[in-house]
Amino acid sequence: MARKKTWSELTGCEKWRMFVLGTAQVALQFVALRDLSERPQSEVRGPKAAWVAGSFANFVGPLAYLAFGRLKK
């Protein structure tokens, strides 16, 4: 099994890719958490606390909430 590279061993392209993916993850989570904080419980499918916890799962959590956790107004 290959060992993991350190940050200094990554190429410029790999560092850029990590930056873009990290930024996207933080942005998705921010949008999901902000929506959860402003949306009343009656418009959320399931308990809000579970969606907040699930939003910390990389990409999958925030996308799942945004796609399936909100009820249409």
Protein backbone atom coordinates (compact mmCIF):
# COMPACT_ATOMS: atom_id res chain seq x y z
CA MET A 1 0.00 0.00 0.00
CA ALA A 2 1.41 3.39 -0.97
CA ARG A 3 2.06 5.91 1.78
CA LYS A 4 0.15 9.15 1.78
CA LYS A 5 1.85 12.24 0.41
CA THR A 6 2.51 15.23 2.60
CA TRP A 7 1.32 18.67 1.48
CA SER A 8 4.82 19.64 0.36
CA GLU A 9 5.02 16.53 -1.86
CA LEU A 10 1.87 17.42 -3.80
CA THR A 11 2.13 19.05 -7.21
CA GLY A 12 0.66 22.48 -7.84
CA CYS A 13 -2.30 20.90 -9.66
CA GLU A 14 -2.99 18.52 -6.77
CA LYS A 15 -2.84 21.37 -4.25
CA TRP A 16 -5.24 23.42 -6.38
CA ARG A 17 -7.65 20.45 -6.62
CA MET A 18 -7.58 19.99 -2.83
CA PHE A 19 -8.27 23.71 -2.35
CA VAL A 20 -11.23 23.67 -4.75
CA LEU A 21 -12.75 20.53 -3.21
CA GLY A 22 -12.25 21.84 0.32
CA THR A 23 -13.87 25.16 -0.57
CA ALA A 24 -16.82 23.38 -2.19
CA GLN A 25 -17.29 21.20 0.90
CA VAL A 26 -17.28 24.19 3.25
CA ALA A 27 -19.66 26.14 1.00
CA LEU A 28 -22.13 23.24 0.77
CA GLN A 29 -22.09 22.74 4.51
CA PHE A 30 -22.55 26.46 5.14
CA VAL A 31 -25.58 26.57 2.82
CA ALA A 32 -27.12 23.47 4.42
CA LEU A 33 -26.56 24.68 8.01
CA ARG A 34 -27.82 28.17 7.24
CA ASP A 35 -30.95 26.77 5.60
CA LEU A 36 -31.52 24.48 8.58
CA SER A 37 -31.19 27.34 11.04
CA GLU A 38 -33.70 29.52 9.18
CA ARG A 39 -36.23 26.87 8.15
CA PRO A 40 -38.99 25.93 10.65
CA GLN A 41 -39.14 22.30 11.80
CA SER A 42 -42.44 21.85 9.97
CA GLU A 43 -40.62 22.32 6.65
CA VAL A 44 -37.84 19.79 7.38
CA ARG A 45 -38.19 16.09 6.70
CA GLY A 46 -37.07 14.42 9.95
CA PRO A 47 -35.36 15.92 13.02
CA LYS A 48 -33.21 18.99 12.42
CA ALA A 49 -30.52 17.70 14.80
CA ALA A 50 -30.04 14.61 12.64
CA TRP A 51 -29.64 16.76 9.51
CA VAL A 52 -27.13 19.00 11.30
CA ALA A 53 -25.06 15.96 12.29
CA GLY A 54 -25.39 14.47 8.82
CA SER A 55 -24.21 17.69 7.21
CA PHE A 56 -20.72 16.93 8.49
CA ALA A 57 -20.43 13.89 6.18
CA ASN A 58 -18.27 15.04 3.26
CA PHE A 59 -20.38 16.24 0.34
CA VAL A 60 -23.00 13.52 0.90
CA GLY A 61 -24.58 15.05 4.01
CA PRO A 62 -25.20 18.59 2.74
CA LEU A 63 -26.26 17.35 -0.69
CA ALA A 64 -28.66 14.83 0.86
CA TYR A 65 -30.25 17.53 3.01
CA LEU A 66 -30.58 19.96 0.12
CA ALA A 67 -32.07 17.27 -2.14
CA PHE A 68 -34.25 15.28 0.28
CA GLY A 69 -34.40 17.00 3.70
CA ARG A 70 -36.45 20.05 2.80
CA LEU A 71 -40.17 19.96 2.25
CA LYS A 72 -41.58 22.09 -0.54
CA LYS A 73 -43.37 25.22 0.62
